């Protein structure tokens, strides 16, 4: 994104292919740009194969560049929580491992405060299931290999995690026994 006031947000919500597709489907008309990659770990320039072992500490992440005049960070946070299962630790559907954790990876103190406040606000909606999502500094973002970028656009019949779809808050409250 080439605008001078563009911002970047980074989310971990399971397999990055489905996360990217969901965000592009929802916000593509608002001009977002996306990159999938790895963050939150301790290895330099990790490969997909290394991340899949769980030994690097990295999560598969989506980095979203957006224009805050068209789209707010809170809108992205809201969709993040409604587009995956934040109640499971290190898992989305059949994908299991630390690389599939749920995390908001903030880029500055303002994002940290907003992510923590938003998480506190929506926590009751998930009832006794709780929220396993962590709010962590992004650290270094490493681009995933090129074949992972826009993978489901290039491979429309490729694997897509069944947890990546948009839910309403009412359905979430009903599913988890929470409250609005």
Protein backbone atom coordinates (compact mmCIF):
# COMPACT_ATOMS: atom_id res chain seq x y z
CA UNK A 1 0.00 0.00 0.00
CA UNK A 2 1.57 3.21 -1.08
CA UNK A 3 -0.38 5.86 0.82
CA UNK A 4 1.66 7.85 3.29
CA UNK A 5 -0.77 7.19 6.13
CA UNK A 6 -1.16 3.44 5.61
CA UNK A 7 -0.96 1.20 8.67
CA UNK A 8 -0.04 -2.44 9.14
CA UNK A 9 -1.83 -5.03 11.29
CA UNK A 10 -0.69 -8.62 11.87
CA UNK A 11 -2.86 -11.56 12.91
CA UNK A 12 -2.33 -15.26 13.60
CA UNK A 13 -5.52 -17.30 13.26
CA UNK A 14 -4.48 -20.71 11.98
CA UNK A 15 -3.41 -21.64 8.47
CA UNK A 16 -2.53 -18.39 6.74
CA UNK A 17 -4.11 -19.43 3.43
CA UNK A 18 -7.64 -19.31 4.82
CA UNK A 19 -6.97 -16.24 6.95
CA UNK A 20 -5.75 -14.33 3.91
CA UNK A 21 -8.73 -15.42 1.82
CA UNK A 22 -11.21 -14.42 4.55
CA UNK A 23 -9.69 -10.95 5.04
CA UNK A 24 -9.47 -10.32 1.29
CA UNK A 25 -13.08 -11.42 0.82
CA UNK A 26 -14.22 -9.09 3.60
CA UNK A 27 -12.00 -6.05 3.05
CA UNK A 28 -10.73 -6.30 -0.53
CA UNK A 29 -13.01 -3.49 -1.68
CA UNK A 30 -11.43 -1.21 0.93
CA UNK A 31 -8.04 -1.56 -0.72
CA UNK A 32 -6.20 -3.75 1.76
CA UNK A 33 -2.98 -5.43 0.73
CA UNK A 34 -1.92 -8.70 2.31
CA UNK A 35 1.20 -10.79 2.83
CA UNK A 36 1.42 -14.11 4.58
CA UNK A 37 4.45 -14.99 6.62
CA UNK A 38 5.87 -15.95 9.98
CA UNK A 39 6.23 -13.97 13.22
CA UNK A 40 6.49 -14.43 16.95
CA UNK A 41 9.37 -16.88 16.93
CA UNK A 42 13.10 -17.04 17.43
CA UNK A 43 14.54 -18.36 14.14
CA UNK A 44 15.92 -16.03 11.46
CA UNK A 45 14.33 -16.27 8.03
CA UNK A 46 12.42 -19.49 8.77
CA UNK A 47 11.09 -21.72 6.03
CA UNK A 48 7.61 -23.22 5.94
CA UNK A 49 9.09 -26.63 6.67
CA UNK A 50 10.90 -25.28 9.76
CA UNK A 51 7.80 -23.49 11.05
CA UNK A 52 5.71 -26.65 10.60
CA UNK A 53 7.97 -28.54 13.02
CA UNK A 54 6.93 -26.18 15.82
CA UNK A 55 10.57 -25.68 16.79
CA UNK A 56 10.93 -22.05 15.63
CA UNK A 57 8.20 -20.59 17.83
CA UNK A 58 6.76 -18.75 14.81
CA UNK A 59 3.07 -18.56 13.99
CA UNK A 60 1.66 -18.51 10.48
CA UNK A 61 0.46 -14.91 10.19
CA UNK A 62 -1.33 -12.52 7.89
CA UNK A 63 0.00 -8.99 7.58
CA UNK A 64 -2.59 -6.47 6.39
CA UNK A 65 -1.73 -3.03 5.02
CA UNK A 66 -4.72 -0.74 5.20
CA UNK A 67 -5.76 2.90 4.96
CA UNK A 68 -7.11 4.00 8.37
CA UNK A 69 -9.26 6.61 6.60
CA UNK A 70 -11.17 3.73 4.95
CA UNK A 71 -10.90 0.99 7.55
CA UNK A 72 -10.29 1.08 11.28
CA UNK A 73 -8.04 -1.19 13.32
CA UNK A 74 -11.10 -2.01 15.44
CA UNK A 75 -12.92 -3.25 12.30
CA UNK A 76 -9.98 -5.58 11.62
CA UNK A 77 -9.98 -6.79 15.25
CA UNK A 78 -13.73 -7.41 15.13
CA UNK A 79 -13.42 -9.50 11.97
CA UNK A 80 -10.37 -11.34 13.31
CA UNK A 81 -12.36 -12.61 16.29
CA UNK A 82 -15.41 -13.49 14.18
CA UNK A 83 -13.48 -15.30 11.42
CA UNK A 84 -11.73 -18.08 13.38
CA UNK A 85 -12.00 -19.99 16.66
CA UNK A 86 -10.14 -17.95 19.31
CA UNK A 87 -11.11 -20.40 22.07
CA UNK A 88 -8.61 -23.11 21.17
CA UNK A 89 -4.95 -22.99 22.12
CA UNK A 90 -2.53 -23.80 19.28
CA UNK A 91 -5.27 -25.17 17.04
CA UNK A 92 -7.73 -24.31 14.28
CA UNK A 93 -9.89 -27.21 13.18
CA UNK A 94 -7.63 -30.13 12.29
CA UNK A 95 -4.52 -27.94 12.21
CA UNK A 96 -2.65 -28.43 15.48
CA UNK A 97 0.59 -26.83 16.67
CA UNK A 98 1.96 -23.55 17.97
CA UNK A 99 2.19 -22.25 14.40
CA UNK A 100 -1.65 -22.29 14.30
CA UNK A 101 -2.17 -20.25 17.48
CA UNK A 102 -4.51 -17.31 17.77
CA UNK A 103 -2.64 -14.05 18.31
CA UNK A 104 -2.84 -10.35 17.64
CA UNK A 105 0.69 -9.14 16.94
CA UNK A 106 0.85 -5.43 17.57
CA UNK A 107 3.18 -2.92 15.88
CA UNK A 108 2.99 -0.10 18.43
CA UNK A 109 1.57 0.82 21.84
CA UNK A 110 -1.64 2.16 20.30
CA UNK A 111 -2.35 -1.20 18.65
CA UNK A 112 -1.46 -3.01 21.87
CA UNK A 113 -3.93 -0.94 23.89
CA UNK A 114 -6.65 -1.32 21.26
CA UNK A 115 -6.12 -5.10 20.97
CA UNK A 116 -6.17 -5.60 24.74
CA UNK A 117 -9.27 -3.43 25.19
CA UNK A 118 -11.10 -5.13 22.33
CA UNK A 119 -10.20 -8.59 23.65
CA UNK A 120 -11.48 -7.65 27.11
CA UNK A 121 -14.70 -6.32 25.55
CA UNK A 122 -15.48 -9.49 23.58
CA UNK A 123 -14.22 -12.06 26.11
CA UNK A 124 -17.68 -12.50 27.75
CA UNK A 125 -19.15 -13.44 24.36
CA UNK A 126 -17.20 -16.69 24.38
CA UNK A 127 -18.62 -17.78 27.73
CA UNK A 128 -16.84 -20.52 29.65
CA UNK A 129 -14.83 -21.51 26.55
CA UNK A 130 -12.67 -18.45 27.18
CA UNK A 131 -10.34 -16.72 24.73
CA UNK A 132 -6.95 -18.28 24.04
CA UNK A 133 -5.81 -15.41 21.82
CA UNK A 134 -2.62 -13.69 22.94
CA UNK A 135 -1.63 -10.07 22.34
CA UNK A 136 2.10 -9.97 21.60
CA UNK A 137 4.64 -7.68 19.92
CA UNK A 138 5.06 -8.55 16.25
CA UNK A 139 8.86 -8.64 16.42
CA UNK A 140 10.30 -9.49 13.02
CA UNK A 141 7.89 -10.45 10.22
CA UNK A 142 9.29 -12.90 7.71
CA UNK A 143 7.57 -13.24 4.34
CA UNK A 144 6.43 -16.76 3.57
CA UNK A 145 7.62 -18.34 0.37
CA UNK A 146 6.07 -16.86 -2.77
CA UNK A 147 3.95 -19.93 -3.51
CA UNK A 148 2.07 -19.28 -0.23
CA UNK A 149 1.10 -15.71 -1.21
CA UNK A 150 -2.55 -15.63 -2.37
CA UNK A 151 -2.41 -19.44 -2.36
CA UNK A 152 -6.17 -20.02 -2.46
CA UNK A 153 -6.55 -17.52 -5.32
CA UNK A 154 -3.99 -19.51 -7.31
CA UNK A 155 -5.34 -22.88 -6.11
CA UNK A 156 -9.09 -22.40 -5.66
CA UNK A 157 -9.61 -26.05 -4.71
CA UNK A 158 -6.74 -26.05 -2.20
CA UNK A 159 -7.15 -26.90 1.47
CA UNK A 160 -9.13 -24.36 3.44
CA UNK A 161 -9.53 -24.74 7.20
CA UNK A 162 -13.24 -25.11 8.03
CA UNK A 163 -12.93 -22.65 10.94
CA UNK A 164 -12.29 -19.65 8.64
CA UNK A 165 -15.67 -18.11 7.98
CA UNK A 166 -17.45 -14.99 9.18
CA UNK A 167 -19.76 -15.44 12.17
CA UNK A 168 -22.13 -12.97 13.78
CA UNK A 169 -21.66 -12.05 17.43
CA UNK A 170 -25.14 -13.44 18.09
CA UNK A 171 -24.11 -16.87 16.71
CA UNK A 172 -20.91 -16.78 18.78
CA UNK A 173 -22.83 -16.02 21.97
CA UNK A 174 -25.29 -18.80 21.16
CA UNK A 175 -22.53 -21.34 20.38
CA UNK A 176 -20.41 -20.64 23.47
CA UNK A 177 -23.09 -19.66 25.97
CA UNK A 178 -21.65 -16.18 26.35
CA UNK A 179 -23.30 -12.80 26.59
CA UNK A 180 -23.30 -9.67 24.46
